Amino acid sequence: MTQSNLGTGYSNRIKDDRTENLEQAIAFYQQSLELEENIGNVQGQAVTFHQLAISC
């Protein structure tokens, strides 16, 4: 959950370079998806996929 929240924070960040912020957001979302898969959190994966889709 924390990784997903960090992804959202970076995708919404207005400071610094937008491309770098999105790249960092994607990296956090990918980490979140991996963790959610490992613990079997299907609902969390769905939320993270949604956040990833709307951030780009």
N, C-alpha and C. Protein backbone atom coordinates (compact mmCIF):
# COMPACT_ATOMS: atom_id res chain seq x y z
N MET A 1 0.82 -1.19 0.00
CA MET A 1 0.00 0.00 0.00
C MET A 1 0.87 1.25 0.00
N THR A 2 1.92 1.23 0.78
CA THR A 2 2.80 2.41 0.85
C THR A 2 3.43 2.70 -0.50
N GLN A 3 3.88 1.65 -1.19
CA GLN A 3 4.50 1.85 -2.50
C GLN A 3 3.50 2.47 -3.47
N SER A 4 2.26 2.02 -3.39
CA SER A 4 1.23 2.56 -4.27
C SER A 4 0.98 4.04 -3.95
N ASN A 5 0.95 4.37 -2.68
CA ASN A 5 0.77 5.78 -2.28
C ASN A 5 1.93 6.65 -2.74
N LEU A 6 3.13 6.12 -2.68
CA LEU A 6 4.29 6.86 -3.19
C LEU A 6 4.16 7.07 -4.70
N GLY A 7 3.67 6.06 -5.38
CA GLY A 7 3.45 6.20 -6.82
C GLY A 7 2.47 7.31 -7.12
N THR A 8 1.39 7.36 -6.37
CA THR A 8 0.40 8.42 -6.55
C THR A 8 1.00 9.78 -6.26
N GLY A 9 1.80 9.85 -5.21
CA GLY A 9 2.45 11.12 -4.88
C GLY A 9 3.34 11.63 -5.99
N TYR A 10 4.12 10.73 -6.55
CA TYR A 10 5.01 11.14 -7.65
C TYR A 10 4.24 11.44 -8.93
N SER A 11 3.16 10.73 -9.18
CA SER A 11 2.41 11.01 -10.40
C SER A 11 1.70 12.36 -10.32
N ASN A 12 1.40 12.81 -9.11
CA ASN A 12 0.74 14.10 -8.92
C ASN A 12 1.71 15.24 -8.64
N ARG A 13 2.97 14.93 -8.51
CA ARG A 13 3.98 15.93 -8.13
C ARG A 13 4.15 16.97 -9.24
N ILE A 14 4.12 18.24 -8.85
CA ILE A 14 4.27 19.32 -9.82
C ILE A 14 5.67 19.92 -9.79
N LYS A 15 6.45 19.58 -8.78
CA LYS A 15 7.81 20.09 -8.66
C LYS A 15 8.76 19.21 -9.48
N ASP A 16 9.78 19.82 -10.05
CA ASP A 16 10.81 19.13 -10.82
C ASP A 16 10.29 18.62 -12.16
N ASP A 17 11.03 17.72 -12.77
CA ASP A 17 10.75 17.24 -14.12
C ASP A 17 9.58 16.25 -14.15
N ARG A 18 8.59 16.51 -14.97
CA ARG A 18 7.39 15.68 -15.04
C ARG A 18 7.72 14.25 -15.49
N THR A 19 8.60 14.11 -16.46
CA THR A 19 8.97 12.78 -16.95
C THR A 19 9.64 11.96 -15.86
N GLU A 20 10.56 12.57 -15.14
CA GLU A 20 11.23 11.86 -14.05
C GLU A 20 10.25 11.46 -12.95
N ASN A 21 9.31 12.35 -12.64
CA ASN A 21 8.31 12.04 -11.63
C ASN A 21 7.45 10.85 -12.06
N LEU A 22 7.06 10.82 -13.33
CA LEU A 22 6.25 9.70 -13.82
C LEU A 22 7.04 8.40 -13.83
N GLU A 23 8.31 8.47 -14.18
CA GLU A 23 9.15 7.27 -14.16
C GLU A 23 9.27 6.72 -12.74
N GLN A 24 9.43 7.62 -11.78
CA GLN A 24 9.51 7.19 -10.38
C GLN A 24 8.17 6.62 -9.92
N ALA A 25 7.08 7.25 -10.33
CA ALA A 25 5.75 6.75 -9.98
C ALA A 25 5.55 5.34 -10.52
N ILE A 26 5.91 5.11 -11.77
CA ILE A 26 5.77 3.79 -12.38
C ILE A 26 6.59 2.76 -11.62
N ALA A 27 7.79 3.13 -11.22
CA ALA A 27 8.65 2.20 -10.46
C ALA A 27 7.98 1.83 -9.13
N PHE A 28 7.41 2.80 -8.44
CA PHE A 28 6.72 2.51 -7.18
C PHE A 28 5.49 1.64 -7.40
N TYR A 29 4.73 1.92 -8.47
CA TYR A 29 3.56 1.10 -8.77
C TYR A 29 3.98 -0.33 -9.08
N GLN A 30 5.07 -0.52 -9.80
CA GLN A 30 5.55 -1.87 -10.11
C GLN A 30 5.96 -2.61 -8.85
N GLN A 31 6.61 -1.91 -7.92
CA GLN A 31 6.98 -2.52 -6.65
C GLN A 31 5.72 -2.92 -5.87
N SER A 32 4.74 -2.05 -5.90
CA SER A 32 3.49 -2.32 -5.21
C SER A 32 2.81 -3.56 -5.80
N LEU A 33 2.76 -3.65 -7.12
CA LEU A 33 2.14 -4.80 -7.77
C LEU A 33 2.85 -6.10 -7.39
N GLU A 34 4.16 -6.06 -7.34
CA GLU A 34 4.93 -7.25 -6.97
C GLU A 34 4.60 -7.69 -5.54
N LEU A 35 4.57 -6.72 -4.62
CA LEU A 35 4.25 -7.04 -3.24
C LEU A 35 2.82 -7.57 -3.10
N GLU A 36 1.90 -6.93 -3.78
CA GLU A 36 0.50 -7.36 -3.70
C GLU A 36 0.32 -8.76 -4.28
N GLU A 37 1.04 -9.06 -5.34
CA GLU A 37 0.97 -10.40 -5.92
C GLU A 37 1.51 -11.44 -4.95
N ASN A 38 2.63 -11.10 -4.30
CA ASN A 38 3.26 -12.04 -3.36
C ASN A 38 2.36 -12.38 -2.18
N ILE A 39 1.53 -11.43 -1.75
CA ILE A 39 0.65 -11.70 -0.61
C ILE A 39 -0.76 -12.09 -1.04
N GLY A 40 -1.01 -12.12 -2.34
CA GLY A 40 -2.31 -12.53 -2.86
C GLY A 40 -3.39 -11.48 -2.73
N ASN A 41 -3.02 -10.22 -2.75
CA ASN A 41 -3.97 -9.12 -2.62
C ASN A 41 -4.48 -8.70 -3.99
N VAL A 42 -5.49 -9.41 -4.47
CA VAL A 42 -6.03 -9.15 -5.80
C VAL A 42 -6.69 -7.78 -5.88
N GLN A 43 -7.42 -7.41 -4.85
CA GLN A 43 -8.07 -6.10 -4.85
C GLN A 43 -7.03 -4.97 -4.87
N GLY A 44 -5.96 -5.13 -4.12
CA GLY A 44 -4.89 -4.14 -4.12
C GLY A 44 -4.23 -4.02 -5.49
N GLN A 45 -4.07 -5.16 -6.16
CA GLN A 45 -3.52 -5.13 -7.51
C GLN A 45 -4.43 -4.36 -8.45
N ALA A 46 -5.72 -4.57 -8.34
CA ALA A 46 -6.66 -3.86 -9.20
C ALA A 46 -6.59 -2.35 -8.98
N VAL A 47 -6.51 -1.95 -7.73
CA VAL A 47 -6.41 -0.52 -7.40
C VAL A 47 -5.12 0.06 -7.97
N THR A 48 -4.03 -0.66 -7.80
CA THR A 48 -2.74 -0.17 -8.29
C THR A 48 -2.72 -0.09 -9.80
N PHE A 49 -3.28 -1.08 -10.48
CA PHE A 49 -3.38 -1.02 -11.95
C PHE A 49 -4.19 0.20 -12.38
N HIS A 50 -5.27 0.47 -11.67
CA HIS A 50 -6.08 1.65 -11.98
C HIS A 50 -5.28 2.92 -11.78
N GLN A 51 -4.59 3.04 -10.67
CA GLN A 51 -3.78 4.24 -10.40
C GLN A 51 -2.69 4.41 -11.45
N LEU A 52 -2.09 3.31 -11.84
CA LEU A 52 -1.06 3.36 -12.87
C LEU A 52 -1.65 3.85 -14.19
N ALA A 53 -2.81 3.36 -14.53
CA ALA A 53 -3.44 3.75 -15.79
C ALA A 53 -3.80 5.23 -15.82
N ILE A 54 -4.30 5.77 -14.73
CA ILE A 54 -4.73 7.16 -14.74
C ILE A 54 -3.57 8.14 -14.54
N SER A 55 -2.41 7.63 -14.14
CA SER A 55 -1.27 8.52 -13.91
C SER A 55 -0.53 8.86 -15.20
N CYS A 56 -0.70 8.05 -16.23
CA CYS A 56 0.05 8.25 -17.47
C CYS A 56 -0.74 8.97 -18.53
